N, C-alpha and C. Protein backbone atom coordinates (compact mmCIF):
# COMPACT_ATOMS: atom_id res chain seq x y z
N MET A 1 74.01 78.67 130.26
CA MET A 1 74.47 77.50 129.54
C MET A 1 74.08 77.60 128.08
N MET A 2 75.02 77.43 127.19
CA MET A 2 74.76 77.55 125.75
C MET A 2 74.01 76.31 125.26
N GLY A 3 73.13 76.50 124.30
CA GLY A 3 72.43 75.40 123.68
C GLY A 3 71.24 74.88 124.46
N ARG A 4 71.03 75.37 125.65
CA ARG A 4 69.92 74.90 126.46
C ARG A 4 68.64 75.60 126.03
N VAL A 5 67.58 74.84 125.83
CA VAL A 5 66.30 75.39 125.40
C VAL A 5 65.58 76.00 126.59
N GLN A 6 65.20 77.26 126.45
CA GLN A 6 64.45 77.95 127.50
C GLN A 6 63.02 77.41 127.49
N ARG A 7 62.54 76.97 128.62
CA ARG A 7 61.17 76.47 128.75
C ARG A 7 60.24 77.60 129.10
N ARG A 8 59.03 77.55 128.58
CA ARG A 8 58.05 78.58 128.91
C ARG A 8 57.61 78.41 130.36
N ARG A 9 57.18 79.50 130.95
CA ARG A 9 56.84 79.49 132.37
C ARG A 9 55.44 78.97 132.65
N ASN A 10 54.47 79.38 131.85
CA ASN A 10 53.08 78.98 132.10
C ASN A 10 52.64 77.93 131.08
N PRO A 11 51.99 76.88 131.57
CA PRO A 11 51.51 75.88 130.62
C PRO A 11 50.37 76.46 129.77
N PRO A 12 50.24 75.99 128.53
CA PRO A 12 49.17 76.52 127.67
C PRO A 12 47.80 76.08 128.16
N ASP A 13 46.80 76.92 127.93
CA ASP A 13 45.44 76.54 128.29
C ASP A 13 44.88 75.63 127.18
N LYS A 14 43.68 75.12 127.38
CA LYS A 14 43.07 74.18 126.42
C LYS A 14 42.95 74.77 125.03
N GLN A 15 42.46 76.02 124.97
CA GLN A 15 42.26 76.65 123.66
C GLN A 15 43.59 76.80 122.92
N GLU A 16 44.63 77.21 123.62
CA GLU A 16 45.93 77.37 122.98
C GLU A 16 46.48 76.03 122.50
N ARG A 17 46.32 74.98 123.30
CA ARG A 17 46.79 73.65 122.88
C ARG A 17 46.05 73.20 121.62
N ARG A 18 44.73 73.45 121.58
CA ARG A 18 43.93 73.09 120.41
C ARG A 18 44.41 73.84 119.17
N LEU A 19 44.61 75.15 119.32
CA LEU A 19 45.08 75.95 118.19
C LEU A 19 46.45 75.49 117.70
N ALA A 20 47.34 75.19 118.65
CA ALA A 20 48.69 74.73 118.30
C ALA A 20 48.64 73.41 117.54
N ARG A 21 47.79 72.49 117.97
CA ARG A 21 47.66 71.20 117.27
C ARG A 21 47.14 71.41 115.85
N ARG A 22 46.12 72.26 115.72
CA ARG A 22 45.55 72.53 114.39
C ARG A 22 46.59 73.19 113.49
N LEU A 23 47.38 74.08 114.05
CA LEU A 23 48.42 74.76 113.28
C LEU A 23 49.45 73.75 112.78
N ARG A 24 49.91 72.88 113.65
CA ARG A 24 50.91 71.88 113.26
C ARG A 24 50.35 70.87 112.27
N ARG A 25 49.04 70.59 112.34
CA ARG A 25 48.41 69.66 111.38
C ARG A 25 48.18 70.30 110.02
N GLY A 26 48.26 71.62 109.95
CA GLY A 26 48.04 72.31 108.68
C GLY A 26 46.58 72.58 108.39
N ASP A 27 45.77 72.70 109.43
CA ASP A 27 44.35 73.02 109.26
C ASP A 27 44.23 74.40 108.62
N PRO A 28 43.66 74.48 107.41
CA PRO A 28 43.60 75.77 106.71
C PRO A 28 42.74 76.82 107.41
N ASP A 29 41.84 76.43 108.29
CA ASP A 29 40.98 77.38 108.99
C ASP A 29 41.62 77.95 110.25
N VAL A 30 42.76 77.42 110.66
CA VAL A 30 43.35 77.84 111.92
C VAL A 30 43.87 79.28 111.86
N VAL A 31 44.29 79.73 110.69
CA VAL A 31 44.83 81.10 110.60
C VAL A 31 43.75 82.12 110.97
N ALA A 32 42.54 81.90 110.51
CA ALA A 32 41.44 82.81 110.86
C ALA A 32 41.20 82.80 112.37
N ASP A 33 41.27 81.62 112.99
CA ASP A 33 41.06 81.52 114.43
C ASP A 33 42.22 82.15 115.21
N LEU A 34 43.46 81.96 114.71
CA LEU A 34 44.61 82.60 115.34
C LEU A 34 44.49 84.12 115.24
N TYR A 35 44.04 84.58 114.09
CA TYR A 35 43.86 86.02 113.89
C TYR A 35 42.80 86.56 114.84
N ALA A 36 41.70 85.83 114.99
CA ALA A 36 40.64 86.26 115.90
C ALA A 36 41.15 86.32 117.34
N GLN A 37 41.99 85.38 117.71
CA GLN A 37 42.50 85.30 119.08
C GLN A 37 43.64 86.29 119.35
N TYR A 38 44.58 86.41 118.40
CA TYR A 38 45.80 87.16 118.66
C TYR A 38 46.02 88.35 117.73
N GLY A 39 45.12 88.56 116.79
CA GLY A 39 45.29 89.62 115.80
C GLY A 39 45.36 91.01 116.39
N SER A 40 44.51 91.30 117.36
CA SER A 40 44.51 92.66 117.93
C SER A 40 45.81 92.94 118.69
N ALA A 41 46.34 91.95 119.36
CA ALA A 41 47.60 92.14 120.09
C ALA A 41 48.76 92.38 119.12
N SER A 42 48.82 91.58 118.05
CA SER A 42 49.92 91.77 117.10
C SER A 42 49.76 93.09 116.35
N TYR A 43 48.52 93.47 116.04
CA TYR A 43 48.29 94.74 115.36
C TYR A 43 48.71 95.91 116.25
N GLY A 44 48.45 95.80 117.54
CA GLY A 44 48.87 96.84 118.47
C GLY A 44 50.38 97.02 118.49
N VAL A 45 51.12 95.91 118.48
CA VAL A 45 52.58 95.97 118.44
C VAL A 45 53.03 96.64 117.14
N LEU A 46 52.41 96.25 116.03
CA LEU A 46 52.79 96.80 114.73
C LEU A 46 52.49 98.30 114.67
N LEU A 47 51.34 98.69 115.16
CA LEU A 47 50.95 100.10 115.10
C LEU A 47 51.87 100.95 115.98
N ARG A 48 52.21 100.46 117.16
CA ARG A 48 53.12 101.21 118.03
C ARG A 48 54.51 101.31 117.41
N THR A 49 54.94 100.27 116.72
CA THR A 49 56.28 100.27 116.13
C THR A 49 56.34 101.09 114.85
N LEU A 50 55.36 100.88 113.97
CA LEU A 50 55.39 101.52 112.65
C LEU A 50 54.77 102.90 112.62
N ARG A 51 53.83 103.16 113.54
CA ARG A 51 53.16 104.47 113.64
C ARG A 51 52.43 104.87 112.36
N ASP A 52 51.93 103.88 111.64
CA ASP A 52 51.20 104.14 110.41
C ASP A 52 50.22 102.97 110.20
N ARG A 53 48.94 103.28 110.09
CA ARG A 53 47.92 102.22 109.98
C ARG A 53 48.06 101.41 108.70
N ASP A 54 48.33 102.07 107.57
CA ASP A 54 48.47 101.33 106.32
C ASP A 54 49.65 100.36 106.38
N ASP A 55 50.78 100.83 106.93
CA ASP A 55 51.93 99.95 107.07
C ASP A 55 51.61 98.80 108.03
N ALA A 56 50.95 99.11 109.13
CA ALA A 56 50.60 98.06 110.10
C ALA A 56 49.67 97.03 109.46
N ASP A 57 48.71 97.49 108.64
CA ASP A 57 47.82 96.56 107.95
C ASP A 57 48.60 95.62 107.03
N ASP A 58 49.52 96.20 106.25
CA ASP A 58 50.32 95.40 105.32
C ASP A 58 51.19 94.39 106.05
N VAL A 59 51.85 94.84 107.10
CA VAL A 59 52.75 93.94 107.83
C VAL A 59 51.96 92.88 108.59
N GLN A 60 50.76 93.24 109.06
CA GLN A 60 49.91 92.25 109.76
C GLN A 60 49.62 91.06 108.84
N GLN A 61 49.35 91.33 107.58
CA GLN A 61 49.11 90.24 106.62
C GLN A 61 50.36 89.38 106.47
N GLN A 62 51.53 90.02 106.42
CA GLN A 62 52.78 89.27 106.33
C GLN A 62 52.99 88.39 107.56
N VAL A 63 52.64 88.92 108.72
CA VAL A 63 52.83 88.18 109.97
C VAL A 63 52.04 86.88 109.95
N PHE A 64 50.76 86.96 109.60
CA PHE A 64 49.94 85.75 109.65
C PHE A 64 50.23 84.80 108.50
N ALA A 65 50.73 85.32 107.39
CA ALA A 65 51.20 84.44 106.31
C ALA A 65 52.44 83.68 106.79
N GLU A 66 53.31 84.38 107.52
CA GLU A 66 54.51 83.73 108.05
C GLU A 66 54.15 82.72 109.13
N VAL A 67 53.19 83.03 109.95
CA VAL A 67 52.73 82.07 110.97
C VAL A 67 52.32 80.77 110.29
N TRP A 68 51.59 80.87 109.21
CA TRP A 68 51.14 79.70 108.47
C TRP A 68 52.32 78.94 107.87
N ARG A 69 53.25 79.68 107.23
CA ARG A 69 54.40 79.04 106.59
C ARG A 69 55.32 78.37 107.61
N ARG A 70 55.45 78.96 108.79
CA ARG A 70 56.39 78.46 109.79
C ARG A 70 55.72 77.59 110.85
N ALA A 71 54.54 77.10 110.58
CA ALA A 71 53.78 76.32 111.56
C ALA A 71 54.59 75.17 112.14
N ALA A 72 55.36 74.48 111.30
CA ALA A 72 56.13 73.34 111.77
C ALA A 72 57.25 73.75 112.74
N GLN A 73 57.63 75.01 112.72
CA GLN A 73 58.71 75.49 113.59
C GLN A 73 58.22 75.90 114.97
N TYR A 74 56.91 76.03 115.12
CA TYR A 74 56.40 76.44 116.43
C TYR A 74 56.64 75.35 117.46
N ASP A 75 57.25 75.75 118.60
CA ASP A 75 57.54 74.82 119.69
C ASP A 75 56.82 75.30 120.95
N PRO A 76 55.71 74.63 121.31
CA PRO A 76 54.94 75.07 122.48
C PRO A 76 55.71 74.95 123.79
N GLU A 77 56.81 74.21 123.80
CA GLU A 77 57.63 74.09 125.01
C GLU A 77 58.45 75.36 125.25
N ARG A 78 58.73 76.10 124.19
CA ARG A 78 59.57 77.31 124.31
C ARG A 78 58.76 78.56 124.57
N ALA A 79 57.57 78.67 123.93
CA ALA A 79 56.79 79.90 124.06
C ALA A 79 55.34 79.62 123.73
N GLY A 80 54.47 80.47 124.25
CA GLY A 80 53.06 80.39 123.91
C GLY A 80 52.84 80.93 122.50
N LEU A 81 51.68 80.65 121.96
CA LEU A 81 51.35 81.14 120.62
C LEU A 81 51.42 82.66 120.54
N LEU A 82 50.90 83.34 121.55
CA LEU A 82 50.92 84.80 121.54
C LEU A 82 52.36 85.31 121.48
N THR A 83 53.23 84.78 122.31
CA THR A 83 54.63 85.21 122.32
C THR A 83 55.28 84.96 120.98
N TRP A 84 55.03 83.80 120.39
CA TRP A 84 55.60 83.44 119.10
C TRP A 84 55.12 84.39 118.02
N ILE A 85 53.82 84.66 118.00
CA ILE A 85 53.25 85.55 116.98
C ILE A 85 53.77 86.97 117.17
N LEU A 86 53.86 87.45 118.42
CA LEU A 86 54.37 88.79 118.66
C LEU A 86 55.85 88.92 118.29
N THR A 87 56.60 87.85 118.45
CA THR A 87 58.00 87.86 118.05
C THR A 87 58.11 88.00 116.54
N ILE A 88 57.28 87.27 115.81
CA ILE A 88 57.26 87.39 114.35
C ILE A 88 56.83 88.81 113.96
N ALA A 89 55.81 89.34 114.62
CA ALA A 89 55.32 90.69 114.31
C ALA A 89 56.43 91.72 114.53
N ARG A 90 57.12 91.63 115.63
CA ARG A 90 58.20 92.57 115.91
C ARG A 90 59.28 92.48 114.85
N SER A 91 59.65 91.27 114.46
CA SER A 91 60.70 91.10 113.44
C SER A 91 60.27 91.68 112.10
N ARG A 92 59.02 91.42 111.71
CA ARG A 92 58.55 91.96 110.42
C ARG A 92 58.44 93.49 110.47
N ALA A 93 58.08 94.05 111.62
CA ALA A 93 58.00 95.51 111.75
C ALA A 93 59.39 96.12 111.61
N ILE A 94 60.38 95.52 112.23
CA ILE A 94 61.75 96.01 112.12
C ILE A 94 62.22 95.91 110.67
N ASP A 95 61.94 94.79 110.01
CA ASP A 95 62.29 94.65 108.60
C ASP A 95 61.65 95.76 107.78
N HIS A 96 60.39 96.04 108.05
CA HIS A 96 59.67 97.08 107.31
C HIS A 96 60.31 98.45 107.53
N LEU A 97 60.68 98.75 108.76
CA LEU A 97 61.32 100.03 109.05
C LEU A 97 62.66 100.17 108.34
N ARG A 98 63.39 99.08 108.24
CA ARG A 98 64.69 99.12 107.56
C ARG A 98 64.54 99.36 106.07
N ARG A 99 63.43 98.90 105.50
CA ARG A 99 63.22 99.05 104.05
C ARG A 99 62.62 100.38 103.66
N ARG A 100 62.16 101.14 104.62
CA ARG A 100 61.53 102.42 104.28
C ARG A 100 62.48 103.31 103.50
N VAL A 101 61.97 103.88 102.44
CA VAL A 101 62.75 104.80 101.62
C VAL A 101 62.13 106.18 101.79
N PRO A 102 62.93 107.21 101.93
CA PRO A 102 62.36 108.55 102.13
C PRO A 102 61.44 108.95 101.00
N GLU A 103 60.45 109.78 101.34
CA GLU A 103 59.54 110.32 100.33
C GLU A 103 60.34 111.13 99.31
N PRO A 104 59.94 111.09 98.04
CA PRO A 104 60.70 111.81 97.02
C PRO A 104 60.44 113.32 97.06
N VAL A 105 61.17 114.00 97.93
CA VAL A 105 61.11 115.45 98.03
C VAL A 105 62.51 115.95 97.69
N SER A 106 62.59 117.02 96.94
CA SER A 106 63.90 117.52 96.54
C SER A 106 64.64 118.08 97.75
N SER A 107 65.97 118.07 97.68
CA SER A 107 66.76 118.62 98.78
C SER A 107 66.54 120.12 98.90
N ASP A 108 66.31 120.82 97.78
CA ASP A 108 66.01 122.25 97.85
C ASP A 108 64.74 122.50 98.66
N GLU A 109 63.73 121.65 98.45
CA GLU A 109 62.48 121.78 99.19
C GLU A 109 62.71 121.50 100.67
N MET A 110 63.55 120.52 100.99
CA MET A 110 63.87 120.22 102.38
C MET A 110 64.55 121.41 103.05
N ILE A 111 65.47 122.05 102.33
CA ILE A 111 66.17 123.22 102.89
C ILE A 111 65.16 124.34 103.13
N ARG A 112 64.27 124.56 102.15
CA ARG A 112 63.27 125.60 102.29
C ARG A 112 62.38 125.33 103.50
N LEU A 113 61.96 124.08 103.66
CA LEU A 113 61.09 123.72 104.78
C LEU A 113 61.79 123.81 106.12
N SER A 114 63.09 123.58 106.13
CA SER A 114 63.82 123.60 107.40
C SER A 114 64.12 125.01 107.87
N GLY A 115 63.91 126.00 107.02
CA GLY A 115 64.12 127.39 107.41
C GLY A 115 65.55 127.82 107.18
N ASP A 116 65.82 129.08 107.48
CA ASP A 116 67.16 129.63 107.31
C ASP A 116 67.97 129.42 108.58
N GLY A 117 69.26 129.59 108.46
CA GLY A 117 70.12 129.51 109.63
C GLY A 117 70.71 128.13 109.81
N ASP A 118 71.25 127.93 110.99
CA ASP A 118 71.92 126.66 111.29
C ASP A 118 70.89 125.54 111.41
N THR A 119 71.28 124.38 110.91
CA THR A 119 70.39 123.22 111.00
C THR A 119 70.96 122.25 112.01
N PRO A 120 70.06 121.62 112.79
CA PRO A 120 70.54 120.63 113.75
C PRO A 120 71.06 119.39 113.01
N PRO A 121 71.89 118.56 113.68
CA PRO A 121 72.46 117.37 113.04
C PRO A 121 71.40 116.45 112.43
N GLU A 122 70.23 116.32 113.08
CA GLU A 122 69.19 115.44 112.54
C GLU A 122 68.71 115.93 111.17
N THR A 123 68.60 117.25 111.04
CA THR A 123 68.17 117.83 109.77
C THR A 123 69.24 117.62 108.71
N ASP A 124 70.50 117.79 109.09
CA ASP A 124 71.59 117.56 108.14
C ASP A 124 71.57 116.11 107.65
N LEU A 125 71.33 115.18 108.56
CA LEU A 125 71.25 113.77 108.17
C LEU A 125 70.09 113.54 107.21
N ALA A 126 68.95 114.14 107.52
CA ALA A 126 67.79 113.99 106.63
C ALA A 126 68.08 114.58 105.26
N LEU A 127 68.73 115.73 105.23
CA LEU A 127 69.08 116.35 103.95
C LEU A 127 70.03 115.46 103.15
N ASP A 128 70.99 114.87 103.83
CA ASP A 128 71.91 113.96 103.15
C ASP A 128 71.16 112.78 102.54
N ARG A 129 70.18 112.25 103.27
CA ARG A 129 69.39 111.12 102.74
C ARG A 129 68.59 111.55 101.52
N TRP A 130 68.01 112.74 101.55
CA TRP A 130 67.23 113.22 100.41
C TRP A 130 68.13 113.42 99.19
N ARG A 131 69.30 113.99 99.43
CA ARG A 131 70.23 114.18 98.31
C ARG A 131 70.65 112.84 97.73
N ALA A 132 70.89 111.86 98.59
CA ALA A 132 71.25 110.52 98.11
C ALA A 132 70.11 109.93 97.28
N ALA A 133 68.88 110.13 97.72
CA ALA A 133 67.73 109.62 96.96
C ALA A 133 67.65 110.29 95.59
N GLU A 134 67.92 111.60 95.54
CA GLU A 134 67.92 112.31 94.25
C GLU A 134 69.01 111.77 93.34
N LEU A 135 70.19 111.53 93.89
CA LEU A 135 71.30 111.00 93.09
C LEU A 135 70.96 109.61 92.55
N LEU A 136 70.40 108.78 93.39
CA LEU A 136 70.06 107.42 92.96
C LEU A 136 69.04 107.42 91.83
N ALA A 137 68.21 108.45 91.78
CA ALA A 137 67.18 108.52 90.75
C ALA A 137 67.76 108.62 89.34
N VAL A 138 69.04 109.03 89.20
CA VAL A 138 69.64 109.14 87.87
C VAL A 138 70.09 107.78 87.34
N LEU A 139 70.12 106.77 88.18
CA LEU A 139 70.61 105.45 87.77
C LEU A 139 69.50 104.60 87.19
N PRO A 140 69.86 103.65 86.30
CA PRO A 140 68.87 102.66 85.85
C PRO A 140 68.37 101.84 87.04
N ASP A 141 67.17 101.32 86.93
CA ASP A 141 66.54 100.58 88.04
C ASP A 141 67.43 99.48 88.60
N HIS A 142 68.07 98.67 87.73
CA HIS A 142 68.84 97.53 88.23
C HIS A 142 70.06 97.98 89.03
N GLU A 143 70.66 99.11 88.68
CA GLU A 143 71.79 99.62 89.44
C GLU A 143 71.33 100.29 90.74
N ARG A 144 70.23 101.04 90.66
CA ARG A 144 69.68 101.70 91.84
C ARG A 144 69.31 100.67 92.90
N GLU A 145 68.71 99.55 92.47
CA GLU A 145 68.30 98.50 93.40
C GLU A 145 69.51 97.89 94.12
N LEU A 146 70.60 97.68 93.39
CA LEU A 146 71.81 97.14 94.02
C LEU A 146 72.32 98.07 95.12
N LEU A 147 72.38 99.35 94.81
CA LEU A 147 72.88 100.31 95.82
C LEU A 147 71.91 100.46 96.99
N ARG A 148 70.62 100.38 96.70
CA ARG A 148 69.63 100.45 97.79
C ARG A 148 69.81 99.27 98.74
N LEU A 149 69.97 98.07 98.16
CA LEU A 149 70.16 96.89 99.00
C LEU A 149 71.46 96.98 99.80
N ARG A 150 72.50 97.52 99.18
CA ARG A 150 73.80 97.59 99.85
C ARG A 150 73.81 98.64 100.96
N PHE A 151 73.31 99.84 100.66
CA PHE A 151 73.49 100.94 101.60
C PHE A 151 72.28 101.23 102.48
N TYR A 152 71.08 100.89 102.01
CA TYR A 152 69.90 101.11 102.85
C TYR A 152 69.59 99.86 103.67
N GLU A 153 69.65 98.69 103.05
CA GLU A 153 69.36 97.46 103.79
C GLU A 153 70.63 96.84 104.37
N GLU A 154 71.79 97.40 104.01
CA GLU A 154 73.07 96.97 104.53
C GLU A 154 73.38 95.50 104.28
N LEU A 155 73.00 95.03 103.07
CA LEU A 155 73.33 93.66 102.69
C LEU A 155 74.73 93.61 102.09
N SER A 156 75.40 92.50 102.26
CA SER A 156 76.71 92.32 101.62
C SER A 156 76.49 92.02 100.14
N GLN A 157 77.55 92.11 99.35
CA GLN A 157 77.43 91.80 97.93
C GLN A 157 77.00 90.34 97.73
N THR A 158 77.49 89.47 98.58
CA THR A 158 77.11 88.05 98.49
C THR A 158 75.61 87.88 98.77
N GLU A 159 75.10 88.59 99.79
CA GLU A 159 73.67 88.52 100.11
C GLU A 159 72.82 89.10 98.98
N ILE A 160 73.31 90.17 98.38
CA ILE A 160 72.58 90.78 97.26
C ILE A 160 72.53 89.80 96.09
N ALA A 161 73.65 89.17 95.79
CA ALA A 161 73.69 88.20 94.69
C ALA A 161 72.70 87.06 94.94
N ALA A 162 72.63 86.60 96.17
CA ALA A 162 71.69 85.52 96.50
C ALA A 162 70.25 86.00 96.39
N ARG A 163 69.96 87.20 96.90
CA ARG A 163 68.59 87.71 96.87
C ARG A 163 68.10 87.94 95.44
N LEU A 164 68.99 88.48 94.59
CA LEU A 164 68.59 88.80 93.21
C LEU A 164 68.88 87.67 92.23
N ASP A 165 69.44 86.57 92.73
CA ASP A 165 69.76 85.41 91.90
C ASP A 165 70.67 85.82 90.74
N LEU A 166 71.74 86.54 91.10
CA LEU A 166 72.73 86.99 90.13
C LEU A 166 74.10 86.46 90.52
N PRO A 167 75.00 86.27 89.56
CA PRO A 167 76.37 85.90 89.93
C PRO A 167 77.02 87.04 90.72
N LEU A 168 77.87 86.69 91.67
CA LEU A 168 78.53 87.68 92.50
C LEU A 168 79.34 88.66 91.66
N GLY A 169 80.00 88.18 90.62
CA GLY A 169 80.78 89.05 89.74
C GLY A 169 79.92 90.10 89.05
N THR A 170 78.70 89.72 88.68
CA THR A 170 77.78 90.66 88.04
C THR A 170 77.38 91.75 89.03
N VAL A 171 77.10 91.35 90.26
CA VAL A 171 76.73 92.33 91.29
C VAL A 171 77.88 93.31 91.50
N LYS A 172 79.11 92.80 91.63
CA LYS A 172 80.26 93.67 91.86
C LYS A 172 80.46 94.63 90.69
N ALA A 173 80.39 94.13 89.47
CA ALA A 173 80.61 94.97 88.29
C ALA A 173 79.53 96.06 88.19
N ARG A 174 78.27 95.70 88.43
CA ARG A 174 77.20 96.69 88.36
C ARG A 174 77.32 97.74 89.45
N MET A 175 77.75 97.32 90.64
CA MET A 175 77.91 98.28 91.72
C MET A 175 79.03 99.27 91.40
N VAL A 176 80.14 98.78 90.86
CA VAL A 176 81.24 99.66 90.48
C VAL A 176 80.76 100.65 89.42
N ARG A 177 80.05 100.15 88.42
CA ARG A 177 79.53 101.01 87.35
C ARG A 177 78.57 102.06 87.91
N ALA A 178 77.68 101.65 88.81
CA ALA A 178 76.72 102.58 89.40
C ALA A 178 77.42 103.65 90.23
N LEU A 179 78.40 103.25 91.02
CA LEU A 179 79.13 104.21 91.84
C LEU A 179 79.93 105.19 90.99
N ARG A 180 80.49 104.71 89.87
CA ARG A 180 81.20 105.62 88.95
C ARG A 180 80.24 106.64 88.35
N LYS A 181 79.04 106.20 87.99
CA LYS A 181 78.04 107.13 87.44
C LYS A 181 77.67 108.19 88.48
N LEU A 182 77.48 107.75 89.72
CA LEU A 182 77.16 108.71 90.77
C LEU A 182 78.29 109.71 90.97
N ARG A 183 79.52 109.21 90.97
CA ARG A 183 80.68 110.09 91.15
C ARG A 183 80.73 111.11 90.00
N ALA A 184 80.52 110.65 88.77
CA ALA A 184 80.53 111.56 87.63
C ALA A 184 79.42 112.61 87.77
N HIS A 185 78.27 112.18 88.22
CA HIS A 185 77.14 113.11 88.41
C HIS A 185 77.49 114.17 89.46
N ILE A 186 78.11 113.74 90.54
CA ILE A 186 78.49 114.67 91.60
C ILE A 186 79.57 115.63 91.09
N ASP A 187 80.59 115.09 90.42
CA ASP A 187 81.70 115.92 89.95
C ASP A 187 81.29 116.90 88.86
N GLU A 188 80.43 116.47 87.96
CA GLU A 188 80.06 117.29 86.81
C GLU A 188 78.77 118.07 87.02
N GLY A 189 77.97 117.64 87.98
CA GLY A 189 76.72 118.33 88.24
C GLY A 189 75.69 118.15 87.14
N GLU A 190 75.80 117.05 86.40
CA GLU A 190 74.82 116.79 85.34
C GLU A 190 74.38 115.34 85.40
N VAL A 191 73.22 115.07 84.84
CA VAL A 191 72.67 113.74 84.85
C VAL A 191 73.46 112.86 83.89
N VAL A 192 73.81 111.64 84.36
CA VAL A 192 74.49 110.68 83.50
C VAL A 192 73.56 109.52 83.27
N SER A 193 73.69 108.87 82.14
CA SER A 193 72.82 107.72 81.87
C SER A 193 73.61 106.48 81.61
């Protein structure tokens, strides 16, 4: 049935009810207590997803900042605090993975590292990404950012305009200009500015 709210299966225990009340009241000390109670579980999810401790540390901070900001949205009838926090952690981890940009290694170095002979499709894809990163490096920052948002984060031009607080026409014009510069660079084999 559409629109029906899924009810949680197990009722919250006393400690969870107390934490939920404090969270909804805006108790500034509750975040530390939530972290003490649920931090290791959320960190485990982040570490398994991101496979990097520094990234997991950074995203963990984002998770608990979001828990604080979204306190009014928590509905104890739908999910327990742990489930809610883990859902936020998973979403932020996925966002982080989508934003990852390849390390700045030249495509020549990638070819050298991959060895001679035929390359598997995964290597070809990686090489294409490195070449794209090299090409983007010739663009001014504001144009490079537009293309990164469009092609790496897969945002629409309207979403990019909203995120960067720019008129849609400006976003479209800059993207066209950036793509023309890239085309000229590819065709001529020289850096354009």
